[in-house]
């Protein structure tokens, strides 16, 4: 009984998608368009962050030289004996 219900639900969703494709109207409202845009912006930001992490890791692995730290500031001669 439950399998028939799931099968009927999947068939209904499939026919809904096919009818939307035939009518060339994929989005029913402005909210559909907004949610679609927000979803792809989120996916784009995640991919951008992954690319930046990969670039950072590659740059750290290639550059084995550590930068030399030079002294910043002035010497306090009053503290010297």
PDB file of N, CA and C in Angstrom:
ATOM      1  N   UNK A   1       0.828  -1.193   0.000  1.00  0.00           N
ATOM      2  CA  UNK A   1       0.000   0.000   0.000  1.00  0.00           C
ATOM      3  C   UNK A   1       0.868   1.251   0.000  1.00  0.00           C
ATOM      4  N   UNK A   2       1.900   1.291   0.864  1.00  0.00           N
ATOM      5  CA  UNK A   2       2.768   2.461   0.958  1.00  0.00           C
ATOM      6  C   UNK A   2       3.599   2.617  -0.313  1.00  0.00           C
ATOM      7  N   UNK A   3       3.996   1.489  -0.913  1.00  0.00           N
ATOM      8  CA  UNK A   3       4.797   1.557  -2.133  1.00  0.00           C
ATOM      9  C   UNK A   3       3.970   2.139  -3.276  1.00  0.00           C
ATOM     10  N   UNK A   4       2.704   1.783  -3.360  1.00  0.00           N
ATOM     11  CA  UNK A   4       1.838   2.345  -4.394  1.00  0.00           C
ATOM     12  C   UNK A   4       1.667   3.844  -4.193  1.00  0.00           C
ATOM     13  N   UNK A   5       1.584   4.272  -2.934  1.00  0.00           N
ATOM     14  CA  UNK A   5       1.420   5.690  -2.637  1.00  0.00           C
ATOM     15  C   UNK A   5       2.676   6.472  -3.047  1.00  0.00           C
ATOM     16  N   UNK A   6       3.848   5.926  -2.756  1.00  0.00           N
ATOM     17  CA  UNK A   6       5.099   6.576  -3.128  1.00  0.00           C
ATOM     18  C   UNK A   6       5.243   6.604  -4.645  1.00  0.00           C
ATOM     19  N   UNK A   7       4.886   5.513  -5.287  1.00  0.00           N
ATOM     20  CA  UNK A   7       4.967   5.445  -6.747  1.00  0.00           C
ATOM     21  C   UNK A   7       4.020   6.454  -7.380  1.00  0.00           C
ATOM     22  N   UNK A   8       2.826   6.584  -6.855  1.00  0.00           N
ATOM     23  CA  UNK A   8       1.864   7.552  -7.379  1.00  0.00           C
ATOM     24  C   UNK A   8       2.365   8.982  -7.173  1.00  0.00           C
ATOM     25  N   UNK A   9       2.964   9.248  -6.027  1.00  0.00           N
ATOM     26  CA  UNK A   9       3.506  10.587  -5.744  1.00  0.00           C
ATOM     27  C   UNK A   9       4.644  10.931  -6.697  1.00  0.00           C
ATOM     28  N   UNK A  10       5.552   9.978  -6.933  1.00  0.00           N
ATOM     29  CA  UNK A  10       6.646  10.206  -7.877  1.00  0.00           C
ATOM     30  C   UNK A  10       6.122  10.433  -9.289  1.00  0.00           C
ATOM     31  N   UNK A  11       5.105   9.686  -9.672  1.00  0.00           N
ATOM     32  CA  UNK A  11       4.533   9.857 -10.999  1.00  0.00           C
ATOM     33  C   UNK A  11       3.868  11.227 -11.123  1.00  0.00           C
ATOM     34  N   UNK A  12       3.212  11.680 -10.074  1.00  0.00           N
ATOM     35  CA  UNK A  12       2.591  13.009 -10.091  1.00  0.00           C
ATOM     36  C   UNK A  12       3.637  14.117 -10.217  1.00  0.00           C
ATOM     37  N   UNK A  13       4.734  13.969  -9.485  1.00  0.00           N
ATOM     38  CA  UNK A  13       5.803  14.964  -9.566  1.00  0.00           C
ATOM     39  C   UNK A  13       6.453  14.964 -10.948  1.00  0.00           C
ATOM     40  N   UNK A  14       6.641  13.792 -11.503  1.00  0.00           N
ATOM     41  CA  UNK A  14       7.234  13.696 -12.833  1.00  0.00           C
ATOM     42  C   UNK A  14       6.342  14.357 -13.883  1.00  0.00           C
ATOM     43  N   UNK A  15       5.049  14.082 -13.823  1.00  0.00           N
ATOM     44  CA  UNK A  15       4.135  14.704 -14.793  1.00  0.00           C
ATOM     45  C   UNK A  15       4.069  16.217 -14.596  1.00  0.00           C
ATOM     46  N   UNK A  16       4.208  16.686 -13.340  1.00  0.00           N
ATOM     47  CA  UNK A  16       4.222  18.128 -13.082  1.00  0.00           C
ATOM     48  C   UNK A  16       5.447  18.780 -13.713  1.00  0.00           C
ATOM     49  N   UNK A  17       6.605  18.128 -13.574  1.00  0.00           N
ATOM     50  CA  UNK A  17       7.838  18.659 -14.161  1.00  0.00           C
ATOM     51  C   UNK A  17       7.743  18.662 -15.677  1.00  0.00           C
ATOM     52  N   UNK A  18       7.218  17.599 -16.252  1.00  0.00           N
ATOM     53  CA  UNK A  18       7.096  17.516 -17.713  1.00  0.00           C
ATOM     54  C   UNK A  18       6.131  18.582 -18.220  1.00  0.00           C
ATOM     55  N   UNK A  19       5.032  18.810 -17.517  1.00  0.00           N
ATOM     56  CA  UNK A  19       4.078  19.836 -17.957  1.00  0.00           C
ATOM     57  C   UNK A  19       4.684  21.237 -17.853  1.00  0.00           C
ATOM     58  N   UNK A  20       5.508  21.466 -16.837  1.00  0.00           N
ATOM     59  CA  UNK A  20       6.179  22.771 -16.729  1.00  0.00           C
ATOM     60  C   UNK A  20       7.167  22.968 -17.871  1.00  0.00           C
ATOM     61  N   UNK A  21       7.897  21.897 -18.223  1.00  0.00           N
ATOM     62  CA  UNK A  21       8.847  21.997 -19.324  1.00  0.00           C
ATOM     63  C   UNK A  21       8.142  22.247 -20.650  1.00  0.00           C
ATOM     64  N   UNK A  22       6.990  21.618 -20.838  1.00  0.00           N
ATOM     65  CA  UNK A  22       6.241  21.812 -22.079  1.00  0.00           C
ATOM     66  C   UNK A  22       5.695  23.228 -22.175  1.00  0.00           C
ATOM     67  N   UNK A  23       5.274  23.786 -21.051  1.00  0.00           N
ATOM     68  CA  UNK A  23       4.707  25.136 -21.070  1.00  0.00           C
ATOM     69  C   UNK A  23       5.799  26.202 -21.008  1.00  0.00           C
ATOM     70  N   UNK A  24       7.043  25.801 -20.848  1.00  0.00           N
ATOM     71  CA  UNK A  24       8.197  26.697 -20.762  1.00  0.00           C
ATOM     72  C   UNK A  24       8.029  27.706 -19.631  1.00  0.00           C
ATOM     73  N   UNK A  25       7.378  27.297 -18.568  1.00  0.00           N
ATOM     74  CA  UNK A  25       7.194  28.145 -17.408  1.00  0.00           C
ATOM     75  C   UNK A  25       7.634  27.341 -16.176  1.00  0.00           C
ATOM     76  N   UNK A  26       8.943  27.382 -15.935  1.00  0.00           N
ATOM     77  CA  UNK A  26       9.505  26.562 -14.865  1.00  0.00           C
ATOM     78  C   UNK A  26       9.183  27.120 -13.485  1.00  0.00           C
ATOM     79  N   UNK A  27       9.055  28.434 -13.382  1.00  0.00           N
ATOM     80  CA  UNK A  27       8.816  29.064 -12.096  1.00  0.00           C
ATOM     81  C   UNK A  27       7.385  29.570 -12.041  1.00  0.00           C
ATOM     82  N   UNK A  28       6.697  29.242 -10.963  1.00  0.00           N
ATOM     83  CA  UNK A  28       5.298  29.632 -10.842  1.00  0.00           C
ATOM     84  C   UNK A  28       5.131  31.008 -10.232  1.00  0.00           C
ATOM     85  N   UNK A  29       6.101  31.448  -9.441  1.00  0.00           N
ATOM     86  CA  UNK A  29       5.957  32.746  -8.779  1.00  0.00           C
ATOM     87  C   UNK A  29       7.315  33.410  -8.656  1.00  0.00           C
ATOM     88  N   UNK A  30       7.287  34.638  -8.153  1.00  0.00           N
ATOM     89  CA  UNK A  30       8.539  35.361  -7.926  1.00  0.00           C
ATOM     90  C   UNK A  30       9.359  34.708  -6.821  1.00  0.00           C
ATOM     91  N   UNK A  31       8.689  34.061  -5.887  1.00  0.00           N
ATOM     92  CA  UNK A  31       9.402  33.377  -4.808  1.00  0.00           C
ATOM     93  C   UNK A  31      10.224  32.213  -5.347  1.00  0.00           C
ATOM     94  N   UNK A  32       9.723  31.546  -6.366  1.00  0.00           N
ATOM     95  CA  UNK A  32      10.491  30.457  -6.980  1.00  0.00           C
ATOM     96  C   UNK A  32      11.778  30.991  -7.604  1.00  0.00           C
ATOM     97  N   UNK A  33      11.660  32.117  -8.282  1.00  0.00           N
ATOM     98  CA  UNK A  33      12.831  32.720  -8.919  1.00  0.00           C
ATOM     99  C   UNK A  33      13.826  33.180  -7.859  1.00  0.00           C
ATOM    100  N   UNK A  34      13.335  33.797  -6.790  1.00  0.00           N
ATOM    101  CA  UNK A  34      14.222  34.283  -5.732  1.00  0.00           C
ATOM    102  C   UNK A  34      14.933  33.126  -5.031  1.00  0.00           C
ATOM    103  N   UNK A  35      14.201  32.070  -4.737  1.00  0.00           N
ATOM    104  CA  UNK A  35      14.834  30.930  -4.067  1.00  0.00           C
ATOM    105  C   UNK A  35      15.856  30.257  -4.979  1.00  0.00           C
ATOM    106  N   UNK A  36      15.566  30.202  -6.259  1.00  0.00           N
ATOM    107  CA  UNK A  36      16.506  29.645  -7.235  1.00  0.00           C
ATOM    108  C   UNK A  36      17.781  30.477  -7.274  1.00  0.00           C
ATOM    109  N   UNK A  37      17.639  31.805  -7.289  1.00  0.00           N
ATOM    110  CA  UNK A  37      18.804  32.690  -7.329  1.00  0.00           C
ATOM    111  C   UNK A  37      19.618  32.574  -6.039  1.00  0.00           C
ATOM    112  N   UNK A  38      18.949  32.551  -4.898  1.00  0.00           N
ATOM    113  CA  UNK A  38      19.656  32.444  -3.620  1.00  0.00           C
ATOM    114  C   UNK A  38      20.397  31.114  -3.529  1.00  0.00           C
ATOM    115  N   UNK A  39      19.776  30.050  -4.003  1.00  0.00           N
ATOM    116  CA  UNK A  39      20.421  28.739  -3.991  1.00  0.00           C
ATOM    117  C   UNK A  39      21.700  28.753  -4.817  1.00  0.00           C
ATOM    118  N   UNK A  40      21.655  29.324  -6.022  1.00  0.00           N
ATOM    119  CA  UNK A  40      22.841  29.329  -6.862  1.00  0.00           C
ATOM    120  C   UNK A  40      23.895  30.299  -6.366  1.00  0.00           C
ATOM    121  N   UNK A  41      23.496  31.384  -5.711  1.00  0.00           N
ATOM    122  CA  UNK A  41      24.479  32.276  -5.099  1.00  0.00           C
ATOM    123  C   UNK A  41      25.190  31.541  -3.973  1.00  0.00           C
ATOM    124  N   UNK A  42      24.450  30.786  -3.170  1.00  0.00           N
ATOM    125  CA  UNK A  42      25.049  30.015  -2.085  1.00  0.00           C
ATOM    126  C   UNK A  42      26.029  28.977  -2.632  1.00  0.00           C
ATOM    127  N   UNK A  43      25.621  28.247  -3.649  1.00  0.00           N
ATOM    128  CA  UNK A  43      26.501  27.240  -4.255  1.00  0.00           C
ATOM    129  C   UNK A  43      27.745  27.903  -4.839  1.00  0.00           C
ATOM    130  N   UNK A  44      27.568  29.066  -5.470  1.00  0.00           N
ATOM    131  CA  UNK A  44      28.708  29.792  -6.030  1.00  0.00           C
ATOM    132  C   UNK A  44      29.688  30.242  -4.965  1.00  0.00           C
ATOM    133  N   UNK A  45      29.172  30.718  -3.833  1.00  0.00           N
ATOM    134  CA  UNK A  45      30.055  31.152  -2.750  1.00  0.00           C
ATOM    135  C   UNK A  45      30.815  29.972  -2.143  1.00  0.00           C
ATOM    136  N   UNK A  46      30.151  28.848  -1.992  1.00  0.00           N
ATOM    137  CA  UNK A  46      30.824  27.661  -1.456  1.00  0.00           C
ATOM    138  C   UNK A  46      31.937  27.221  -2.404  1.00  0.00           C
ATOM    139  N   UNK A  47      31.654  27.207  -3.697  1.00  0.00           N
ATOM    140  CA  UNK A  47      32.687  26.818  -4.664  1.00  0.00           C
ATOM    141  C   UNK A  47      33.838  27.809  -4.684  1.00  0.00           C
ATOM    142  N   UNK A  48      33.527  29.098  -4.553  1.00  0.00           N
ATOM    143  CA  UNK A  48      34.579  30.117  -4.504  1.00  0.00           C
ATOM    144  C   UNK A  48      35.470  29.909  -3.290  1.00  0.00           C
ATOM    145  N   UNK A  49      34.885  29.636  -2.138  1.00  0.00           N
ATOM    146  CA  UNK A  49      35.680  29.401  -0.932  1.00  0.00           C
ATOM    147  C   UNK A  49      36.544  28.143  -1.065  1.00  0.00           C
ATOM    148  N   UNK A  50      36.005  27.106  -1.680  1.00  0.00           N
ATOM    149  CA  UNK A  50      36.785  25.886  -1.888  1.00  0.00           C
ATOM    150  C   UNK A  50      37.976  26.165  -2.800  1.00  0.00           C
ATOM    151  N   UNK A  51      37.757  26.933  -3.855  1.00  0.00           N
ATOM    152  CA  UNK A  51      38.853  27.278  -4.771  1.00  0.00           C
ATOM    153  C   UNK A  51      39.910  28.105  -4.043  1.00  0.00           C
ATOM    154  N   UNK A  52      39.468  29.065  -3.214  1.00  0.00           N
ATOM    155  CA  UNK A  52      40.435  29.873  -2.464  1.00  0.00           C
ATOM    156  C   UNK A  52      41.248  29.032  -1.482  1.00  0.00           C
ATOM    157  N   UNK A  53      40.615  28.072  -0.848  1.00  0.00           N
ATOM    158  CA  UNK A  53      41.338  27.178   0.073  1.00  0.00           C
ATOM    159  C   UNK A  53      42.346  26.343  -0.689  1.00  0.00           C
ATOM    160  N   UNK A  54      41.961  25.840  -1.837  1.00  0.00           N
ATOM    161  CA  UNK A  54      42.879  25.033  -2.653  1.00  0.00           C
ATOM    162  C   UNK A  54      44.067  25.879  -3.107  1.00  0.00           C
ATOM    163  N   UNK A  55      43.806  27.120  -3.531  1.00  0.00           N
ATOM    164  CA  UNK A  55      44.897  28.002  -3.951  1.00  0.00           C
ATOM    165  C   UNK A  55      45.815  28.298  -2.782  1.00  0.00           C
ATOM    166  N   UNK A  56      45.244  28.547  -1.616  1.00  0.00           N
ATOM    167  CA  UNK A  56      46.057  28.845  -0.423  1.00  0.00           C
ATOM    168  C   UNK A  56      46.922  27.647  -0.055  1.00  0.00           C
ATOM    169  N   UNK A  57      46.342  26.459  -0.103  1.00  0.00           N
ATOM    170  CA  UNK A  57      47.119  25.262   0.230  1.00  0.00           C
ATOM    171  C   UNK A  57      48.237  25.027  -0.773  1.00  0.00           C
ATOM    172  N   UNK A  58      47.966  25.258  -2.049  1.00  0.00           N
ATOM    173  CA  UNK A  58      48.996  25.063  -3.072  1.00  0.00           C
ATOM    174  C   UNK A  58      50.124  26.074  -2.908  1.00  0.00           C
ATOM    175  N   UNK A  59      49.781  27.303  -2.570  1.00  0.00           N
ATOM    176  CA  UNK A  59      50.819  28.320  -2.394  1.00  0.00           C
ATOM    177  C   UNK A  59      51.664  28.035  -1.166  1.00  0.00           C
ATOM    178  N   UNK A  60      51.056  27.536  -0.095  1.00  0.00           N
ATOM    179  CA  UNK A  60      51.823  27.229   1.121  1.00  0.00           C
ATOM    180  C   UNK A  60      52.727  26.030   0.907  1.00  0.00           C
ATOM    181  N   UNK A  61      52.286  25.074   0.131  1.00  0.00           N
ATOM    182  CA  UNK A  61      53.098  23.876  -0.107  1.00  0.00           C
ATOM    183  C   UNK A  61      54.273  24.180  -1.021  1.00  0.00           C
ATOM    184  N   UNK A  62      54.092  25.078  -1.967  1.00  0.00           N
ATOM    185  CA  UNK A  62      55.153  25.375  -2.930  1.00  0.00           C
ATOM    186  C   UNK A  62      56.227  26.273  -2.328  1.00  0.00           C
ATOM    187  N   UNK A  63      55.847  27.146  -1.449  1.00  0.00           N
ATOM    188  CA  UNK A  63      56.793  28.112  -0.878  1.00  0.00           C
ATOM    189  C   UNK A  63      57.292  27.580   0.454  1.00  0.00           C
ATOM    190  N   UNK A  64      58.439  26.916   0.433  1.00  0.00           N
ATOM    191  CA  UNK A  64      59.004  26.366   1.662  1.00  0.00           C
ATOM    192  C   UNK A  64      59.775  27.413   2.446  1.00  0.00           C
ATOM    193  N   UNK A  65      60.168  28.493   1.777  1.00  0.00           N
ATOM    194  CA  UNK A  65      60.932  29.529   2.456  1.00  0.00           C
ATOM    195  C   UNK A  65      60.023  30.299   3.402  1.00  0.00           C
ATOM    196  N   UNK A  66      60.531  30.482   4.611  1.00  0.00           N
ATOM    197  CA  UNK A  66      59.789  31.291   5.572  1.00  0.00           C
ATOM    198  C   UNK A  66      60.329  32.714   5.493  1.00  0.00           C
ATOM    199  N   UNK A  67      59.449  33.678   5.528  1.00  0.00           N
ATOM    200  CA  UNK A  67      59.943  35.060   5.451  1.00  0.00           C
ATOM    201  C   UNK A  67      60.742  35.410   6.705  1.00  0.00           C
ATOM    202  N   UNK A  68      61.816  36.163   6.502  1.00  0.00           N
ATOM    203  CA  UNK A  68      62.656  36.572   7.621  1.00  0.00           C
ATOM    204  C   UNK A  68      61.946  37.708   8.353  1.00  0.00           C
ATOM    205  N   UNK A  69      61.887  37.567   9.664  1.00  0.00           N
ATOM    206  CA  UNK A  69      61.265  38.613  10.465  1.00  0.00           C
ATOM    207  C   UNK A  69      62.336  39.638  10.835  1.00  0.00           C
ATOM    208  N   UNK A  70      62.072  40.846  10.495  1.00  0.00           N
ATOM    209  CA  UNK A  70      62.997  41.882  10.890  1.00  0.00           C
ATOM    210  C   UNK A  70      62.424  42.617  12.101  1.00  0.00           C
ATOM    211  N   UNK A  71      63.323  43.205  12.858  1.00  0.00           N
ATOM    212  CA  UNK A  71      62.940  43.858  14.097  1.00  0.00           C
ATOM    213  C   UNK A  71      62.136  45.118  13.793  1.00  0.00           C
ATOM    214  N   UNK A  72      61.045  45.261  14.502  1.00  0.00           N
ATOM    215  CA  UNK A  72      60.193  46.418  14.300  1.00  0.00           C
ATOM    216  C   UNK A  72      60.289  47.301  15.531  1.00  0.00           C
ATOM    217  N   UNK A  73      60.411  48.591  15.341  1.00  0.00           N
ATOM    218  CA  UNK A  73      60.464  49.518  16.465  1.00  0.00           C
ATOM    219  C   UNK A  73      61.876  50.015  16.709  1.00  0.00           C
ATOM    220  N   UNK A  74      62.068  50.604  17.870  1.00  0.00           N
ATOM    221  CA  UNK A  74      63.369  51.165  18.206  1.00  0.00           C
ATOM    222  C   UNK A  74      63.902  50.471  19.456  1.00  0.00           C
ATOM    223  N   UNK A  75      65.199  50.517  19.616  1.00  0.00           N
ATOM    224  CA  UNK A  75      65.828  49.952  20.813  1.00  0.00           C
ATOM    225  C   UNK A  75      65.665  50.925  21.964  1.00  0.00           C
ATOM    226  N   UNK A  76      65.327  50.370  23.117  1.00  0.00           N
ATOM    227  CA  UNK A  76      65.232  51.184  24.326  1.00  0.00           C
ATOM    228  C   UNK A  76      66.595  51.130  25.006  1.00  0.00           C
ATOM    229  N   UNK A  77      67.399  52.157  24.801  1.00  0.00           N
ATOM    230  CA  UNK A  77      68.750  52.170  25.324  1.00  0.00           C
ATOM    231  C   UNK A  77      68.769  52.343  26.849  1.00  0.00           C
ATOM    232  N   UNK A  78      67.687  52.816  27.431  1.00  0.00           N
ATOM    233  CA  UNK A  78      67.641  53.016  28.884  1.00  0.00           C
ATOM    234  C   UNK A  78      67.585  51.681  29.619  1.00  0.00           C
ATOM    235  N   UNK A  79      67.133  50.663  28.964  1.00  0.00           N
ATOM    236  CA  UNK A  79      67.022  49.356  29.592  1.00  0.00           C
ATOM    237  C   UNK A  79      68.343  48.591  29.575  1.00  0.00           C
ATOM    238  N   UNK A  80      69.313  49.053  28.822  1.00  0.00           N
ATOM    239  CA  UNK A  80      70.607  48.386  28.694  1.00  0.00           C
ATOM    240  C   UNK A  80      71.517  48.832  29.839  1.00  0.00           C
ATOM    241  N   UNK A  81      72.322  47.918  30.398  1.00  0.00           N
ATOM    242  CA  UNK A  81      73.236  48.307  31.490  1.00  0.00           C
ATOM    243  C   UNK A  81      74.426  49.119  31.036  1.00  0.00           C
TER     244      UNK A  81
END
